[in-house]
Amino acid sequence: MKNGFFLVLLTTILLFNTTPFAAAKFYACNSKYALCTTAPCTPMTGKKDEVLCACDVKTGYSAATQNCQPVKQTQAGELVYSRYYPVKSYVTCTNNRPWAWCLDKPCIIDKKNPSKAVCACSVVSDLGPYVIVTDKNTATTCTTGIISSATIEQITDITDFLKTQPQPKPFPINRVAYN
């Protein structure tokens, strides 16, 4: 019953927040959030355009395309939103494999492990080259599983925004070549 309620809650919230940003306004936030940058995702039963992603819970500075939201108490647990934190390296993928769009998506913090959250993310594809955050590129980096990601344009736009903010400061990004 609790799992059913949890999925209904996340799905309902997800319906109002489905499109990756295009020329978005960004916000620098300082609070608890879910970091999905390297999150593996699994399909939701009966939902072809949505996945559940296993994200890390962090507290501190991050960036979003929606106004910063505080933690909210729900029957399913603490609700936070996924935000972006600067990455140090990524691999560029150019195939049409689907990936998960998690920025600004609703997440429920795991009551048994508060360093983890499950986020309801949208499945997207065919938006152009996208990134996998990693420090090494293997033969399967761009071909295995559904991973939380962003296009190169999206990661560049949000990184450029962060360069204008006092926190969090972006790192120089290493674009990893195939090993």
Protein backbone atom coordinates (compact mmCIF):
# COMPACT_ATOMS: atom_id res chain seq x y z
CA MET A 1 0.00 0.00 0.00
CA LYS A 2 2.79 2.46 0.89
CA ASN A 3 4.63 1.73 -2.37
CA GLY A 4 1.42 2.30 -4.34
CA PHE A 5 0.83 5.64 -2.64
CA PHE A 6 4.46 6.62 -3.21
CA LEU A 7 4.22 5.88 -6.96
CA VAL A 8 0.89 7.72 -7.29
CA LEU A 9 2.37 10.76 -5.50
CA LEU A 10 5.48 10.87 -7.66
CA THR A 11 3.54 10.23 -10.87
CA THR A 12 1.06 13.00 -10.07
CA ILE A 13 3.84 15.48 -9.39
CA LEU A 14 5.73 14.34 -12.49
CA LEU A 15 2.77 15.11 -14.76
CA PHE A 16 3.19 18.80 -14.00
CA ASN A 17 6.93 18.81 -14.69
CA THR A 18 7.89 16.86 -17.79
CA THR A 19 9.84 18.93 -20.32
CA PRO A 20 13.63 19.41 -20.35
CA PHE A 21 14.53 23.09 -20.19
CA ALA A 22 14.92 25.20 -23.28
CA ALA A 23 16.35 28.68 -22.70
CA ALA A 24 15.33 28.29 -19.07
CA LYS A 25 15.80 30.69 -16.24
CA PHE A 26 18.03 29.16 -13.58
CA TYR A 27 18.09 29.46 -9.81
CA ALA A 28 20.94 28.86 -7.39
CA CYS A 29 19.62 27.01 -4.33
CA ASN A 30 21.05 26.20 -0.91
CA SER A 31 19.13 23.39 0.77
CA LYS A 32 18.55 19.63 0.73
CA TYR A 33 18.14 18.15 -2.76
CA ALA A 34 18.50 14.97 -4.78
CA LEU A 35 21.55 14.65 -7.03
CA CYS A 36 20.78 12.34 -9.94
CA THR A 37 23.81 13.07 -12.10
CA THR A 38 24.97 9.42 -12.15
CA ALA A 39 21.69 7.78 -11.19
CA PRO A 40 20.71 4.44 -12.70
CA CYS A 41 17.02 4.25 -13.51
CA THR A 42 14.41 1.52 -13.85
CA PRO A 43 11.15 1.59 -15.81
CA MET A 44 7.93 2.15 -13.92
CA THR A 45 5.40 -0.64 -14.44
CA GLY A 46 2.90 0.40 -17.08
CA LYS A 47 4.65 3.73 -17.77
CA LYS A 48 6.75 3.92 -20.93
CA ASP A 49 7.72 7.61 -20.53
CA GLU A 50 8.67 7.53 -16.84
CA VAL A 51 11.39 5.87 -14.79
CA LEU A 52 12.40 5.72 -11.15
CA CYS A 53 15.99 6.79 -10.54
CA ALA A 54 18.17 6.03 -7.53
CA CYS A 55 19.67 9.40 -6.58
CA ASP A 56 21.92 10.69 -3.79
CA VAL A 57 20.62 13.14 -1.19
CA LYS A 58 22.82 16.19 -0.66
CA THR A 59 22.60 19.41 1.30
CA GLY A 60 24.16 22.61 0.05
CA TYR A 61 24.34 24.65 -3.11
CA SER A 62 22.84 23.42 -6.36
CA ALA A 63 21.03 24.77 -9.43
CA ALA A 64 17.50 24.36 -10.74
CA THR A 65 15.16 25.71 -13.40
CA GLN A 66 12.38 26.22 -10.88
CA ASN A 67 12.24 28.26 -7.71
CA CYS A 68 14.07 26.56 -4.87
CA GLN A 69 11.77 24.37 -2.79
CA PRO A 70 12.26 23.38 0.86
CA VAL A 71 11.85 19.80 2.05
CA LYS A 72 8.17 18.85 2.32
CA GLN A 73 6.74 16.19 4.59
CA THR A 74 4.39 13.74 2.84
CA GLN A 75 2.80 10.46 3.80
CA ALA A 76 5.42 8.69 1.67
CA GLY A 77 8.31 10.53 3.36
CA GLU A 78 10.36 13.66 2.79
CA LEU A 79 9.84 15.19 -0.66
CA VAL A 80 12.80 16.99 -2.25
CA TYR A 81 13.58 17.91 -5.84
CA SER A 82 16.42 16.88 -8.07
CA ARG A 83 18.90 19.63 -8.85
CA TYR A 84 22.16 20.05 -10.68
CA TYR A 85 25.59 20.22 -9.06
CA PRO A 86 28.66 20.90 -11.23
CA VAL A 87 30.31 17.89 -12.81
CA LYS A 88 34.02 17.34 -13.36
CA SER A 89 33.91 15.05 -16.39
CA TYR A 90 31.60 13.38 -18.87
CA VAL A 91 31.43 11.26 -22.00
CA THR A 92 29.48 12.53 -25.00
CA CYS A 93 26.99 10.03 -26.44
CA THR A 94 25.58 10.50 -29.94
CA ASN A 95 23.24 7.53 -30.28
CA ASN A 96 19.45 7.71 -29.91
CA ARG A 97 19.31 5.60 -26.73
CA PRO A 98 16.69 6.88 -24.26
CA TRP A 99 17.90 8.54 -21.07
CA ALA A 100 16.24 10.02 -17.99
CA TRP A 101 15.58 13.72 -17.49
CA CYS A 102 15.62 14.31 -13.72
CA LEU A 103 16.27 18.03 -13.18
CA ASP A 104 13.56 19.55 -10.96
CA LYS A 105 11.80 16.20 -10.60
CA PRO A 106 10.14 15.07 -7.35
CA CYS A 107 12.03 12.66 -5.13
CA ILE A 108 11.16 10.81 -1.95
CA ILE A 109 13.99 10.31 0.53
CA ASP A 110 14.47 6.70 1.64
CA LYS A 111 13.37 6.48 5.29
CA LYS A 112 15.83 3.63 5.94
CA ASN A 113 18.74 5.30 4.16
CA PRO A 114 18.37 9.11 4.19
CA SER A 115 21.40 9.50 1.92
CA LYS A 116 19.32 8.07 -0.97
CA ALA A 117 16.14 9.13 -2.74
CA VAL A 118 13.94 7.72 -5.48
CA CYS A 119 13.04 10.26 -8.14
CA ALA A 120 10.33 10.04 -10.80
CA CYS A 121 12.04 11.15 -14.02
CA SER A 122 10.94 11.52 -17.64
CA VAL A 123 12.32 9.31 -20.40
CA VAL A 124 13.65 11.33 -23.34
CA SER A 125 15.60 10.64 -26.53
CA ASP A 126 16.47 12.19 -29.86
CA LEU A 127 17.39 15.58 -28.38
CA GLY A 128 20.92 15.51 -29.78
CA PRO A 129 24.21 14.53 -28.17
CA TYR A 130 23.86 13.83 -24.46
CA VAL A 131 26.29 13.23 -21.61
CA ILE A 132 27.05 10.42 -19.21
CA VAL A 133 28.83 11.75 -16.13
CA THR A 134 31.90 9.56 -15.61
CA ASP A 135 35.68 9.79 -15.58
CA LYS A 136 36.19 6.85 -17.95
CA ASN A 137 34.65 5.76 -21.23
CA THR A 138 34.12 2.09 -21.98
CA ALA A 139 32.48 0.22 -24.85
CA THR A 140 29.18 0.18 -22.89
CA THR A 141 29.11 3.73 -21.49
CA CYS A 142 26.64 4.99 -24.09
CA THR A 143 24.73 1.76 -24.62
CA THR A 144 23.76 0.26 -21.27
CA GLY A 145 20.70 1.00 -19.16
CA ILE A 146 18.73 4.19 -18.65
CA ILE A 147 20.85 6.81 -16.93
CA SER A 148 20.00 10.28 -15.70
CA SER A 149 21.49 12.67 -18.24
CA ALA A 150 21.28 15.97 -20.12
CA THR A 151 22.17 17.20 -23.56
CA ILE A 152 25.48 18.95 -24.14
CA GLU A 153 23.58 22.19 -24.69
CA GLN A 154 21.71 21.79 -21.38
CA ILE A 155 24.84 21.07 -19.35
CA THR A 156 26.63 23.98 -21.03
CA ASP A 157 23.75 26.39 -20.33
CA ILE A 158 23.49 25.53 -16.63
CA THR A 159 27.29 25.57 -16.22
CA ASP A 160 27.44 29.02 -17.85
CA PHE A 161 24.75 30.19 -15.40
CA LEU A 162 26.77 28.87 -12.46
CA LYS A 163 29.82 30.84 -13.62
CA THR A 164 27.81 33.99 -12.77
CA GLN A 165 26.89 32.80 -9.27
CA PRO A 166 28.87 32.90 -6.02
CA GLN A 167 27.95 29.22 -5.33
CA PRO A 168 28.22 26.50 -6.50
CA LYS A 169 31.19 27.27 -8.72
CA PRO A 170 31.55 24.94 -11.71
CA PHE A 171 34.67 22.88 -12.29
CA PRO A 172 36.59 22.85 -15.55
CA ILE A 173 34.83 19.97 -17.34
CA ASN A 174 36.93 17.16 -18.80
CA ARG A 175 35.30 15.62 -21.85
CA VAL A 176 36.47 12.00 -21.64
CA ALA A 177 37.53 10.23 -24.83
CA TYR A 178 37.08 6.51 -25.45
CA ASN A 179 39.69 4.39 -23.62
